C-alpha atoms as a PDB file:
ATOM      1  CA  MET A   1      53.157  15.070 101.440  1.00  0.00           C
ATOM      2  CA  PRO A   2      55.833  17.498 101.692  1.00  0.00           C
ATOM      3  CA  LEU A   3      54.552  21.148 102.903  1.00  0.00           C
ATOM      4  CA  ALA A   4      55.619  22.745  99.739  1.00  0.00           C
ATOM      5  CA  GLU A   5      53.684  20.506  97.855  1.00  0.00           C
ATOM      6  CA  LEU A   6      49.989  21.340  99.410  1.00  0.00           C
ATOM      7  CA  ASP A   7      46.804  21.171  98.004  1.00  0.00           C
ATOM      8  CA  PRO A   8      43.977  22.390 100.065  1.00  0.00           C
ATOM      9  CA  LEU A   9      41.761  20.250  97.770  1.00  0.00           C
ATOM     10  CA  THR A  10      42.651  17.452  99.245  1.00  0.00           C
ATOM     11  CA  VAL A  11      44.769  17.676 102.632  1.00  0.00           C
ATOM     12  CA  PRO A  12      42.941  15.961 105.236  1.00  0.00           C
ATOM     13  CA  LEU A  13      40.174  17.603 107.880  1.00  0.00           C
ATOM     14  CA  SER A  14      39.478  16.614 111.193  1.00  0.00           C
ATOM     15  CA  PHE A  15      35.824  16.077 111.579  1.00  0.00           C
ATOM     16  CA  ALA A  16      34.771  16.124 114.900  1.00  0.00           C
ATOM     17  CA  ALA A  17      30.868  15.473 114.382  1.00  0.00           C
ATOM     18  CA  THR A  18      32.766  11.415 112.747  1.00  0.00           C
ATOM     19  CA  GLN A  19      33.160  10.752 116.928  1.00  0.00           C
ATOM     20  CA  GLY A  20      30.279  12.708 118.145  1.00  0.00           C
ATOM     21  CA  ALA A  21      31.298  16.124 119.992  1.00  0.00           C
ATOM     22  CA  GLN A  22      31.861  14.432 123.919  1.00  0.00           C
ATOM     23  CA  SER A  23      33.545  11.779 122.041  1.00  0.00           C
ATOM     24  CA  ARG A  24      37.038  10.976 123.273  1.00  0.00           C
ATOM     25  CA  GLU A  25      38.829  11.768 119.751  1.00  0.00           C
ATOM     26  CA  ALA A  26      36.215  15.499 119.485  1.00  0.00           C
ATOM     27  CA  ARG A  27      38.107  16.306 123.314  1.00  0.00           C
ATOM     28  CA  ALA A  28      41.709  15.366 122.266  1.00  0.00           C
ATOM     29  CA  LEU A  29      40.946  17.962 118.947  1.00  0.00           C
ATOM     30  CA  ARG A  30      40.211  20.540 121.424  1.00  0.00           C
ATOM     31  CA  ARG A  31      43.083  20.173 123.204  1.00  0.00           C
ATOM     32  CA  ALA A  32      44.920  20.066 120.305  1.00  0.00           C
ATOM     33  CA  VAL A  33      43.652  23.511 119.083  1.00  0.00           C
ATOM     34  CA  ALA A  34      45.113  24.576 123.206  1.00  0.00           C
ATOM     35  CA  ALA A  35      48.218  23.491 122.502  1.00  0.00           C
ATOM     36  CA  GLY A  36      48.506  24.856 119.389  1.00  0.00           C
ATOM     37  CA  THR A  37      49.250  21.662 117.199  1.00  0.00           C
ATOM     38  CA  VAL A  38      45.878  21.695 115.302  1.00  0.00           C
ATOM     39  CA  VAL A  39      43.691  24.484 114.178  1.00  0.00           C
ATOM     40  CA  ARG A  40      40.130  25.064 114.409  1.00  0.00           C
ATOM     41  CA  VAL A  41      38.925  25.571 110.753  1.00  0.00           C
ATOM     42  CA  ARG A  42      35.564  26.220 111.745  1.00  0.00           C
ATOM     43  CA  ARG A  43      33.381  24.832 114.226  1.00  0.00           C
ATOM     44  CA  GLY A  44      33.900  20.961 114.721  1.00  0.00           C
ATOM     45  CA  VAL A  45      36.509  21.173 112.020  1.00  0.00           C
ATOM     46  CA  PHE A  46      40.159  20.719 112.203  1.00  0.00           C
ATOM     47  CA  VAL A  47      43.595  20.818 110.217  1.00  0.00           C
ATOM     48  CA  ASP A  48      46.912  20.073 111.881  1.00  0.00           C
ATOM     49  CA  SER A  49      48.488  23.626 112.821  1.00  0.00           C
ATOM     50  CA  PRO A  50      51.714  22.711 110.213  1.00  0.00           C
ATOM     51  CA  THR A  51      49.628  22.169 107.599  1.00  0.00           C
ATOM     52  CA  TRP A  52      47.162  25.288 108.126  1.00  0.00           C
ATOM     53  CA  ASP A  53      50.687  27.587 108.570  1.00  0.00           C
ATOM     54  CA  ALA A  54      51.897  26.486 105.235  1.00  0.00           C
ATOM     55  CA  LEU A  55      49.186  27.917 103.142  1.00  0.00           C
ATOM     56  CA  ASP A  56      48.142  31.057 101.444  1.00  0.00           C
ATOM     57  CA  ALA A  57      45.519  33.197 101.750  1.00  0.00           C
ATOM     58  CA  GLY A  58      43.677  31.544  98.788  1.00  0.00           C
ATOM     59  CA  GLY A  59      44.708  27.870  99.923  1.00  0.00           C
ATOM     60  CA  ARG A  60      43.215  28.565 103.493  1.00  0.00           C
ATOM     61  CA  LEU A  61      40.031  29.933 101.632  1.00  0.00           C
ATOM     62  CA  VAL A  62      39.789  26.803 100.218  1.00  0.00           C
ATOM     63  CA  LEU A  63      40.135  24.836 103.305  1.00  0.00           C
ATOM     64  CA  ARG A  64      37.193  27.110 104.595  1.00  0.00           C
ATOM     65  CA  THR A  65      34.904  26.659 101.934  1.00  0.00           C
ATOM     66  CA  ARG A  66      35.190  22.283 102.529  1.00  0.00           C
ATOM     67  CA  ALA A  67      34.196  22.728 105.507  1.00  0.00           C
ATOM     68  CA  VAL A  68      31.257  24.489 105.330  1.00  0.00           C
ATOM     69  CA  VAL A  69      30.334  22.729 102.008  1.00  0.00           C
ATOM     70  CA  LEU A  70      31.678  19.031 103.258  1.00  0.00           C
ATOM     71  CA  GLY A  71      28.828  19.749 106.264  1.00  0.00           C
ATOM     72  CA  SER A  72      26.147  20.636 104.260  1.00  0.00           C
ATOM     73  CA  THR A  73      23.933  18.583 101.417  1.00  0.00           C
ATOM     74  CA  ARG A  74      22.574  21.761  99.369  1.00  0.00           C
ATOM     75  CA  SER A  75      24.995  24.489  99.118  1.00  0.00           C
ATOM     76  CA  VAL A  76      27.486  25.007  96.137  1.00  0.00           C
ATOM     77  CA  ALA A  77      30.862  26.890  96.679  1.00  0.00           C
ATOM     78  CA  SER A  78      30.014  30.081  94.949  1.00  0.00           C
ATOM     79  CA  HIS A  79      31.790  33.704  94.341  1.00  0.00           C
ATOM     80  CA  GLY A  80      35.090  34.273  96.209  1.00  0.00           C
ATOM     81  CA  SER A  81      35.402  30.878  97.435  1.00  0.00           C
ATOM     82  CA  ALA A  82      34.751  29.292  93.841  1.00  0.00           C
ATOM     83  CA  VAL A  83      37.817  31.380  92.444  1.00  0.00           C
ATOM     84  CA  ALA A  84      39.975  30.133  94.883  1.00  0.00           C
ATOM     85  CA  LEU A  85      38.663  26.901  94.630  1.00  0.00           C
ATOM     86  CA  HIS A  86      39.651  27.390  90.676  1.00  0.00           C
ATOM     87  CA  ASP A  87      42.562  28.801  91.614  1.00  0.00           C
ATOM     88  CA  LEU A  88      41.516  31.314  89.605  1.00  0.00           C
ATOM     89  CA  PRO A  89      43.403  35.491  89.866  1.00  0.00           C
ATOM     90  CA  ARG A  90      42.300  37.705  92.227  1.00  0.00           C
ATOM     91  CA  VAL A  91      43.431  41.295  93.728  1.00  0.00           C
ATOM     92  CA  ASP A  92      42.475  40.072  97.140  1.00  0.00           C
ATOM     93  CA  ARG A  93      43.535  36.891  97.863  1.00  0.00           C
ATOM     94  CA  ALA A  94      43.245  37.347 101.995  1.00  0.00           C
ATOM     95  CA  ALA A  95      39.136  36.962 101.466  1.00  0.00           C
ATOM     96  CA  ASP A  96      38.075  35.492 104.659  1.00  0.00           C
ATOM     97  CA  ARG A  97      34.283  35.048 104.058  1.00  0.00           C
ATOM     98  CA  VAL A  98      33.417  31.662 102.789  1.00  0.00           C
ATOM     99  CA  SER A  99      30.614  32.463  99.814  1.00  0.00           C
ATOM    100  CA  VAL A 100      28.210  29.785  98.989  1.00  0.00           C
ATOM    101  CA  ILE A 101      24.646  29.656  96.638  1.00  0.00           C
ATOM    102  CA  ASP A 102      21.911  27.539  99.259  1.00  0.00           C
ATOM    103  CA  PRO A 103      18.857  27.337  96.503  1.00  0.00           C
ATOM    104  CA  ARG A 104      16.564  26.868  99.972  1.00  0.00           C
ATOM    105  CA  ARG A 105      17.183  30.302 101.452  1.00  0.00           C
ATOM    106  CA  THR A 106      14.712  33.529  99.848  1.00  0.00           C
ATOM    107  CA  THR A 107      17.325  35.973 101.136  1.00  0.00           C
ATOM    108  CA  THR A 108      21.124  36.484 101.692  1.00  0.00           C
ATOM    109  CA  LYS A 109      22.965  35.669 105.062  1.00  0.00           C
ATOM    110  CA  THR A 110      26.293  37.406 105.947  1.00  0.00           C
ATOM    111  CA  SER A 111      27.943  36.548 108.602  1.00  0.00           C
ATOM    112  CA  VAL A 112      31.742  37.317 109.827  1.00  0.00           C
ATOM    113  CA  THR A 113      32.736  33.645 108.138  1.00  0.00           C
ATOM    114  CA  LEU A 114      30.460  33.059 105.440  1.00  0.00           C
ATOM    115  CA  ARG A 115      27.838  34.690 102.999  1.00  0.00           C
ATOM    116  CA  THR A 116      25.244  32.676 102.171  1.00  0.00           C
ATOM    117  CA  ARG A 117      23.175  33.988  98.574  1.00  0.00           C
ATOM    118  CA  PRO A 118      20.166  32.321  97.566  1.00  0.00           C
ATOM    119  CA  GLY A 119      18.910  31.007  93.846  1.00  0.00           C
ATOM    120  CA  PRO A 120      19.217  27.990  91.518  1.00  0.00           C
ATOM    121  CA  VAL A 121      22.053  26.551  90.291  1.00  0.00           C
ATOM    122  CA  PRO A 122      21.012  24.008  88.090  1.00  0.00           C
ATOM    123  CA  ASP A 123      23.617  20.527  88.253  1.00  0.00           C
ATOM    124  CA  GLU A 124      25.037  21.723  84.507  1.00  0.00           C
ATOM    125  CA  GLU A 125      26.210  24.856  86.411  1.00  0.00           C
ATOM    126  CA  VAL A 126      27.955  22.888  89.113  1.00  0.00           C
ATOM    127  CA  VAL A 127      31.479  21.183  89.148  1.00  0.00           C
ATOM    128  CA  VAL A 128      32.957  18.743  92.026  1.00  0.00           C
ATOM    129  CA  LEU A 129      36.137  19.153  92.820  1.00  0.00           C
ATOM    130  CA  SER A 130      37.451  17.165  95.855  1.00  0.00           C
ATOM    131  CA  ASP A 131      33.737  16.056  96.866  1.00  0.00           C
ATOM    132  CA  VAL A 132      33.437  19.852  97.213  1.00  0.00           C
ATOM    133  CA  ARG A 133      30.794  21.492  94.999  1.00  0.00           C
ATOM    134  CA  VAL A 134      31.377  24.541  93.494  1.00  0.00           C
ATOM    135  CA  THR A 135      30.044  26.395  90.930  1.00  0.00           C
ATOM    136  CA  SER A 136      31.207  25.820  86.999  1.00  0.00           C
ATOM    137  CA  LEU A 137      33.557  27.874  85.695  1.00  0.00           C
ATOM    138  CA  GLU A 138      31.117  29.905  83.579  1.00  0.00           C
ATOM    139  CA  ARG A 139      28.952  30.045  86.034  1.00  0.00           C
ATOM    140  CA  THR A 140      31.613  31.521  88.409  1.00  0.00           C
ATOM    141  CA  ALA A 141      32.657  34.171  85.998  1.00  0.00           C
ATOM    142  CA  VAL A 142      28.934  35.674  85.462  1.00  0.00           C
ATOM    143  CA  ASP A 143      28.835  35.805  89.390  1.00  0.00           C
ATOM    144  CA  VAL A 144      32.029  37.370  90.184  1.00  0.00           C
ATOM    145  CA  ALA A 145      31.511  39.999  87.047  1.00  0.00           C
ATOM    146  CA  ARG A 146      27.935  40.656  88.985  1.00  0.00           C
ATOM    147  CA  THR A 147      29.249  41.144  92.202  1.00  0.00           C
ATOM    148  CA  ALA A 148      32.854  42.144  92.388  1.00  0.00           C
ATOM    149  CA  PRO A 149      34.867  45.374  91.595  1.00  0.00           C
ATOM    150  CA  PHE A 150      36.029  45.813  87.943  1.00  0.00           C
ATOM    151  CA  ALA A 151      39.720  44.794  88.413  1.00  0.00           C
ATOM    152  CA  ASP A 152      38.864  41.139  90.097  1.00  0.00           C
ATOM    153  CA  ALA A 153      36.075  40.232  87.724  1.00  0.00           C
ATOM    154  CA  VAL A 154      38.384  40.908  84.949  1.00  0.00           C
ATOM    155  CA  MET A 155      41.168  39.202  86.529  1.00  0.00           C
ATOM    156  CA  CYS A 156      38.211  36.210  87.108  1.00  0.00           C
ATOM    157  CA  VAL A 157      36.869  36.255  83.788  1.00  0.00           C
ATOM    158  CA  ASP A 158      40.453  36.204  81.757  1.00  0.00           C
ATOM    159  CA  GLY A 159      41.318  33.552  83.740  1.00  0.00           C
ATOM    160  CA  VAL A 160      38.134  31.747  83.005  1.00  0.00           C
ATOM    161  CA  LEU A 161      38.447  32.568  79.133  1.00  0.00           C
ATOM    162  CA  ARG A 162      42.235  31.321  79.467  1.00  0.00           C
ATOM    163  CA  ARG A 163      41.375  28.290  80.466  1.00  0.00           C
ATOM    164  CA  LEU A 164      38.702  27.012  78.489  1.00  0.00           C
ATOM    165  CA  VAL A 165      39.826  28.996  75.126  1.00  0.00           C
ATOM    166  CA  LEU A 166      43.278  28.200  75.276  1.00  0.00           C
ATOM    167  CA  PRO A 167      43.390  24.907  77.236  1.00  0.00           C
ATOM    168  CA  HIS A 168      46.726  23.997  76.419  1.00  0.00           C
ATOM    169  CA  GLY A 169      48.554  27.530  76.183  1.00  0.00           C
ATOM    170  CA  HIS A 170      49.177  30.246  73.800  1.00  0.00           C
ATOM    171  CA  ARG A 171      47.495  29.807  70.244  1.00  0.00           C
ATOM    172  CA  THR A 172      46.039  32.355  67.608  1.00  0.00           C
ATOM    173  CA  GLY A 173      43.871  31.637  64.702  1.00  0.00           C
ATOM    174  CA  PRO A 174      40.178  31.335  63.549  1.00  0.00           C
ATOM    175  CA  GLU A 175      39.381  28.658  65.457  1.00  0.00           C
ATOM    176  CA  VAL A 176      40.826  30.348  68.615  1.00  0.00           C
ATOM    177  CA  GLU A 177      38.445  33.521  68.085  1.00  0.00           C
ATOM    178  CA  SER A 178      35.683  31.584  67.109  1.00  0.00           C
ATOM    179  CA  ALA A 179      35.476  29.478  70.328  1.00  0.00           C
ATOM    180  CA  LEU A 180      36.216  33.184  71.857  1.00  0.00           C
ATOM    181  CA  ALA A 181      33.458  34.774  70.422  1.00  0.00           C
ATOM    182  CA  ARG A 182      30.958  31.773  71.093  1.00  0.00           C
ATOM    183  CA  LEU A 183      31.918  31.631  75.036  1.00  0.00           C
ATOM    184  CA  ARG A 184      32.212  35.394  75.436  1.00  0.00           C
ATOM    185  CA  ALA A 185      28.172  35.071  73.789  1.00  0.00           C
ATOM    186  CA  PHE A 186      27.389  32.593  76.063  1.00  0.00           C
ATOM    187  CA  LEU A 187      28.522  34.745  79.190  1.00  0.00           C
ATOM    188  CA  LEU A 188      27.016  37.749  78.215  1.00  0.00           C
ATOM    189  CA  HIS A 189      23.643  35.726  77.362  1.00  0.00           C
ATOM    190  CA  ALA A 190      23.593  34.119  81.096  1.00  0.00           C
ATOM    191  CA  VAL A 191      24.361  37.799  82.410  1.00  0.00           C
ATOM    192  CA  GLY A 192      21.283  39.199  80.537  1.00  0.00           C
ATOM    193  CA  GLU A 193      20.342  42.025  78.914  1.00  0.00           C
ATOM    194  CA  GLY A 194      18.961  43.828  81.695  1.00  0.00           C
ATOM    195  CA  ASP A 195      19.981  46.725  84.643  1.00  0.00           C
ATOM    196  CA  GLY A 196      19.754  44.305  86.967  1.00  0.00           C
ATOM    197  CA  PRO A 197      21.442  44.624  90.248  1.00  0.00           C
ATOM    198  CA  GLY A 198      25.748  44.080  88.569  1.00  0.00           C
ATOM    199  CA  GLN A 199      24.369  43.297  84.904  1.00  0.00           C
ATOM    200  CA  ALA A 200      25.375  46.450  83.182  1.00  0.00           C
ATOM    201  CA  ALA A 201      29.028  46.107  85.390  1.00  0.00           C
ATOM    202  CA  ALA A 202      29.026  41.852  84.057  1.00  0.00           C
ATOM    203  CA  ARG A 203      28.802  43.355  80.975  1.00  0.00           C
ATOM    204  CA  ARG A 204      31.809  45.445  80.895  1.00  0.00           C
ATOM    205  CA  ALA A 205      33.766  43.008  82.887  1.00  0.00           C
ATOM    206  CA  ILE A 206      33.264  40.117  80.203  1.00  0.00           C
ATOM    207  CA  SER A 207      33.999  42.467  76.735  1.00  0.00           C
ATOM    208  CA  PHE A 208      37.084  43.594  78.293  1.00  0.00           C
ATOM    209  CA  ALA A 209      38.172  40.431  79.192  1.00  0.00           C
ATOM    210  CA  SER A 210      40.915  38.663  77.019  1.00  0.00           C
ATOM    211  CA  PRO A 211      41.766  35.065  77.437  1.00  0.00           C
ATOM    212  CA  TRP A 212      45.812  36.139  76.349  1.00  0.00           C
ATOM    213  CA  ALA A 213      46.842  37.878  80.055  1.00  0.00           C
ATOM    214  CA  GLU A 214      48.204  34.661  80.958  1.00  0.00           C
ATOM    215  CA  ASN A 215      48.386  35.796  84.644  1.00  0.00           C
ATOM    216  CA  GLY A 216      46.417  37.733  86.911  1.00  0.00           C
ATOM    217  CA  GLY A 217      49.396  40.473  86.724  1.00  0.00           C
ATOM    218  CA  GLU A 218      48.816  40.506  82.930  1.00  0.00           C
ATOM    219  CA  SER A 219      44.778  41.116  83.694  1.00  0.00           C
ATOM    220  CA  LEU A 220      45.480  43.904  86.228  1.00  0.00           C
ATOM    221  CA  VAL A 221      48.373  45.529  84.213  1.00  0.00           C
ATOM    222  CA  ARG A 222      45.635  45.799  81.418  1.00  0.00           C
ATOM    223  CA  VAL A 223      42.909  46.840  84.083  1.00  0.00           C
ATOM    224  CA  VAL A 224      45.527  49.869  85.368  1.00  0.00           C
ATOM    225  CA  LEU A 225      46.493  50.473  81.873  1.00  0.00           C
ATOM    226  CA  HIS A 226      42.819  50.921  81.060  1.00  0.00           C
ATOM    227  CA  GLU A 227      41.981  53.143  84.358  1.00  0.00           C
ATOM    228  CA  LEU A 228      45.133  55.401  82.975  1.00  0.00           C
ATOM    229  CA  GLY A 229      43.422  55.858  80.080  1.00  0.00           C
ATOM    230  CA  VAL A 230      46.128  54.204  77.780  1.00  0.00           C
ATOM    231  CA  SER A 231      44.923  52.473  74.144  1.00  0.00           C
ATOM    232  CA  THR A 232      44.847  48.530  74.913  1.00  0.00           C
ATOM    233  CA  PRO A 233      47.485  47.132  74.057  1.00  0.00           C
ATOM    234  CA  GLU A 234      48.400  44.097  71.846  1.00  0.00           C
ATOM    235  CA  LEU A 235      48.894  40.978  73.787  1.00  0.00           C
ATOM    236  CA  GLN A 236      50.978  38.348  73.489  1.00  0.00           C
ATOM    237  CA  ARG A 237      52.991  39.996  69.902  1.00  0.00           C
ATOM    238  CA  GLU A 238      55.538  37.796  68.874  1.00  0.00           C
ATOM    239  CA  PHE A 239      58.540  39.295  66.779  1.00  0.00           C
ATOM    240  CA  VAL A 240      61.654  37.796  65.242  1.00  0.00           C
ATOM    241  CA  VAL A 241      64.685  38.317  67.118  1.00  0.00           C
ATOM    242  CA  ALA A 242      68.231  36.839  66.009  1.00  0.00           C
ATOM    243  CA  SER A 243      67.587  34.311  68.782  1.00  0.00           C
ATOM    244  CA  GLY A 244      64.459  33.247  67.210  1.00  0.00           C
ATOM    245  CA  THR A 245      61.184  34.280  68.220  1.00  0.00           C
ATOM    246  CA  ALA A 246      59.906  36.580  71.433  1.00  0.00           C
ATOM    247  CA  ARG A 247      57.090  36.865  72.528  1.00  0.00           C
ATOM    248  CA  CYS A 248      55.533  39.682  75.044  1.00  0.00           C
ATOM    249  CA  ASP A 249      53.075  40.868  77.065  1.00  0.00           C
ATOM    250  CA  PHE A 250      51.898  43.971  75.379  1.00  0.00           C
ATOM    251  CA  TYR A 251      52.739  45.615  72.187  1.00  0.00           C
ATOM    252  CA  ASP A 252      51.770  49.506  71.930  1.00  0.00           C
ATOM    253  CA  ALA A 253      52.398  49.715  68.110  1.00  0.00           C
ATOM    254  CA  ALA A 254      51.640  53.848  68.360  1.00  0.00           C
ATOM    255  CA  HIS A 255      54.339  54.338  70.034  1.00  0.00           C
ATOM    256  CA  LEU A 256      56.341  51.519  69.233  1.00  0.00           C
ATOM    257  CA  ALA A 257      56.735  49.957  72.904  1.00  0.00           C
ATOM    258  CA  VAL A 258      56.856  46.784  74.507  1.00  0.00           C
ATOM    259  CA  LEU A 259      55.420  46.490  77.579  1.00  0.00           C
ATOM    260  CA  GLU A 260      56.076  43.300  80.162  1.00  0.00           C
ATOM    261  CA  PHE A 261      55.373  42.347  83.274  1.00  0.00           C
ATOM    262  CA  ASP A 262      58.112  41.520  85.468  1.00  0.00           C
ATOM    263  CA  GLY A 263      56.139  39.047  87.961  1.00  0.00           C
ATOM    264  CA  PHE A 264      58.233  37.767  91.286  1.00  0.00           C
ATOM    265  CA  GLY A 265      57.396  34.024  89.852  1.00  0.00           C
ATOM    266  CA  LYS A 266      59.402  33.970  86.916  1.00  0.00           C
ATOM    267  CA  TYR A 267      62.512  34.473  89.256  1.00  0.00           C
ATOM    268  CA  ALA A 268      61.409  32.025  91.836  1.00  0.00           C
ATOM    269  CA  ASP A 269      59.127  29.764  90.221  1.00  0.00           C
ATOM    270  CA  ALA A 270      61.623  26.951  89.126  1.00  0.00           C
ATOM    271  CA  ALA A 271      58.548  25.907  86.774  1.00  0.00           C
ATOM    272  CA  LEU A 272      58.836  29.092  84.913  1.00  0.00           C
ATOM    273  CA  ARG A 273      62.675  29.091  85.160  1.00  0.00           C
ATOM    274  CA  GLY A 274      62.602  26.193  82.907  1.00  0.00           C
ATOM    275  CA  GLY A 275      65.639  24.540  84.680  1.00  0.00           C
ATOM    276  CA  ARG A 276      67.454  27.970  85.344  1.00  0.00           C
ATOM    277  CA  THR A 277      68.868  29.841  87.786  1.00  0.00           C
ATOM    278  CA  ALA A 278      67.376  33.226  88.601  1.00  0.00           C
ATOM    279  CA  ALA A 279      70.675  35.109  87.418  1.00  0.00           C
ATOM    280  CA  GLU A 280      70.565  33.129  84.406  1.00  0.00           C
ATOM    281  CA  VAL A 281      67.045  34.808  83.545  1.00  0.00           C
ATOM    282  CA  VAL A 282      68.183  38.021  84.040  1.00  0.00           C
ATOM    283  CA  ARG A 283      70.855  37.842  81.625  1.00  0.00           C
ATOM    284  CA  ASP A 284      68.218  36.069  79.240  1.00  0.00           C
ATOM    285  CA  GLU A 285      65.689  38.899  79.894  1.00  0.00           C
ATOM    286  CA  LYS A 286      68.384  41.369  79.173  1.00  0.00           C
ATOM    287  CA  ARG A 287      69.730  40.167  75.924  1.00  0.00           C
ATOM    288  CA  ARG A 288      65.924  39.469  74.819  1.00  0.00           C
ATOM    289  CA  GLU A 289      65.207  42.895  75.690  1.00  0.00           C
ATOM    290  CA  ALA A 290      68.115  44.210  73.363  1.00  0.00           C
ATOM    291  CA  GLU A 291      67.454  42.308  70.478  1.00  0.00           C
ATOM    292  CA  LEU A 292      64.080  43.707  70.518  1.00  0.00           C
ATOM    293  CA  LEU A 293      65.072  47.106  70.213  1.00  0.00           C
ATOM    294  CA  GLU A 294      66.940  45.973  67.276  1.00  0.00           C
ATOM    295  CA  ARG A 295      64.406  46.067  65.302  1.00  0.00           C
ATOM    296  CA  ALA A 296      62.861  49.223  63.636  1.00  0.00           C
ATOM    297  CA  ASP A 297      59.062  48.599  65.617  1.00  0.00           C
ATOM    298  CA  VAL A 298      60.208  48.699  68.542  1.00  0.00           C
ATOM    299  CA  ARG A 299      61.441  52.140  70.329  1.00  0.00           C
ATOM    300  CA  THR A 300      61.424  51.292  73.588  1.00  0.00           C
ATOM    301  CA  VAL A 301      60.535  48.065  76.451  1.00  0.00           C
ATOM    302  CA  VAL A 302      59.116  48.652  79.725  1.00  0.00           C
ATOM    303  CA  ARG A 303      59.129  46.876  82.678  1.00  0.00           C
ATOM    304  CA  VAL A 304      56.387  46.556  84.841  1.00  0.00           C
ATOM    305  CA  GLU A 305      56.179  45.592  88.415  1.00  0.00           C
ATOM    306  CA  TYR A 306      53.876  45.011  91.170  1.00  0.00           C
ATOM    307  CA  ARG A 307      54.669  48.190  92.825  1.00  0.00           C
ATOM    308  CA  ASP A 308      53.046  50.301  89.434  1.00  0.00           C
ATOM    309  CA  LEU A 309      50.455  48.074  89.934  1.00  0.00           C
ATOM    310  CA  VAL A 310      49.592  49.103  93.188  1.00  0.00           C
ATOM    311  CA  ASP A 311      50.773  53.000  92.392  1.00  0.00           C
ATOM    312  CA  PRO A 312      49.662  53.749  89.147  1.00  0.00           C
ATOM    313  CA  ARG A 313      52.048  56.860  89.633  1.00  0.00           C
ATOM    314  CA  ARG A 314      54.258  55.020  88.858  1.00  0.00           C
ATOM    315  CA  LEU A 315      53.626  53.442  85.887  1.00  0.00           C
ATOM    316  CA  ALA A 316      52.696  56.935  84.713  1.00  0.00           C
ATOM    317  CA  ARG A 317      56.147  57.731  85.239  1.00  0.00           C
ATOM    318  CA  LEU A 318      57.116  54.945  83.760  1.00  0.00           C
ATOM    319  CA  LEU A 319      55.138  55.549  80.579  1.00  0.00           C
ATOM    320  CA  GLY A 320      55.921  58.669  80.146  1.00  0.00           C
ATOM    321  CA  ARG A 321      59.519  58.526  80.057  1.00  0.00           C
ATOM    322  CA  ALA A 322      58.752  55.562  77.495  1.00  0.00           C
ATOM    323  CA  GLY A 323      56.430  58.817  75.477  1.00  0.00           C
ATOM    324  CA  ILE A 324      53.365  57.567  76.555  1.00  0.00           C
ATOM    325  CA  SER A 325      51.447  60.140  77.929  1.00  0.00           C
ATOM    326  CA  VAL A 326      49.058  60.121  80.641  1.00  0.00           C
ATOM    327  CA  ASP A 327      46.304  62.652  81.540  1.00  0.00           C
ATOM    328  CA  PRO A 328      47.225  63.682  84.829  1.00  0.00           C
ATOM    329  CA  ARG A 329      43.659  63.223  85.915  1.00  0.00           C
ATOM    330  CA  ARG A 330      43.456  59.896  85.072  1.00  0.00           C
ATOM    331  CA  VAL A 331      46.586  59.347  87.094  1.00  0.00           C
ATOM    332  CA  THR A 332      44.471  60.629  90.108  1.00  0.00           C
ATOM    333  CA  ALA A 333      41.951  58.659  89.126  1.00  0.00           C
ATOM    334  CA  ALA A 334      43.708  55.477  89.015  1.00  0.00           C
ATOM    335  CA  ALA A 335      45.805  55.864  92.195  1.00  0.00           C
ATOM    336  CA  ARG A 336      42.113  56.326  93.760  1.00  0.00           C
ATOM    337  CA  ALA A 337      41.255  53.079  92.381  1.00  0.00           C
ATOM    338  CA  ALA A 338      44.356  51.871  93.319  1.00  0.00           C
ATOM    339  CA  ARG A 339      44.167  52.624  97.064  1.00  0.00           C
ATOM    340  CA  LEU A 340      40.673  51.165  97.283  1.00  0.00           C
ATOM    341  CA  ARG A 341      41.844  48.057  95.705  1.00  0.00           C
ATOM    342  CA  PHE A 342      45.055  47.375  97.550  1.00  0.00           C
ATOM    343  CA  VAL A 343      43.759  48.275 101.027  1.00  0.00           C
ATOM    344  CA  SER A 344      39.796  47.795 101.494  1.00  0.00           C
END
């Protein structure tokens, strides 16, 4: 398999215990680690170095999680590991610690590389991905909403809602709204109405979440706008323009402002470019923006980049130039939250 097409759920792992710790094969694996041609994923589990080097932080977490769960008869991958296995968005893609639930445990056990939580995981809340037992999308949304910071919780729940409510892409209408209401009610019921650990935070994240944020970047834009005290804009608003229909990431009707998140993938990912070059994508975006500005209900187009989310003061200045005022106290608080989010 070409390295560019690596799927961390299916790349081969070598288990020393298969041959025995003192077998010729196991000794050969240890020599390969010393030589740098093989990487030790965890004790007794190895992968070749080119594969490891080609994976991003999320892919490496998937490998570490597989190494733990495939070696256990009772553990279920959960929380951050489930996010990685389901390929859901999160702020911190570099989390090193594997997360599992072991129904036999009565307390949480945490080490540098592994957090094992107690608690039941009913069969209906478990799915199997390439032989790995992992919490279902719904259970993962609830677990993350109860334990993660607000931004990570929203990104995860947005992703789950999008997968389950809009499995075939963007849609609107009564059927979609009904499906969303049912799923949101299901998740809120799973959280419960009490004041136990993380319950209030989970209800807040689930209530705020939306399936119409089409990627993690758009989810994070929503979070930062919320922290800045900006009214929640309409997502995926469609406008009729000269060349057809333009669907925009966010629309603030009060200020006649369109907000677009310019993620790197829009220009770098060939699949997202739809056969166009990066230069053609830029040209088409400029043409589309000009057409939007011809409409009476669009006064300005604000382009938001990832760096504007890392430093919300930049986003506040962009909004100010678009006529959307932000309380300086909210800017200070949002900047403080971003420092914790991206540095800690």
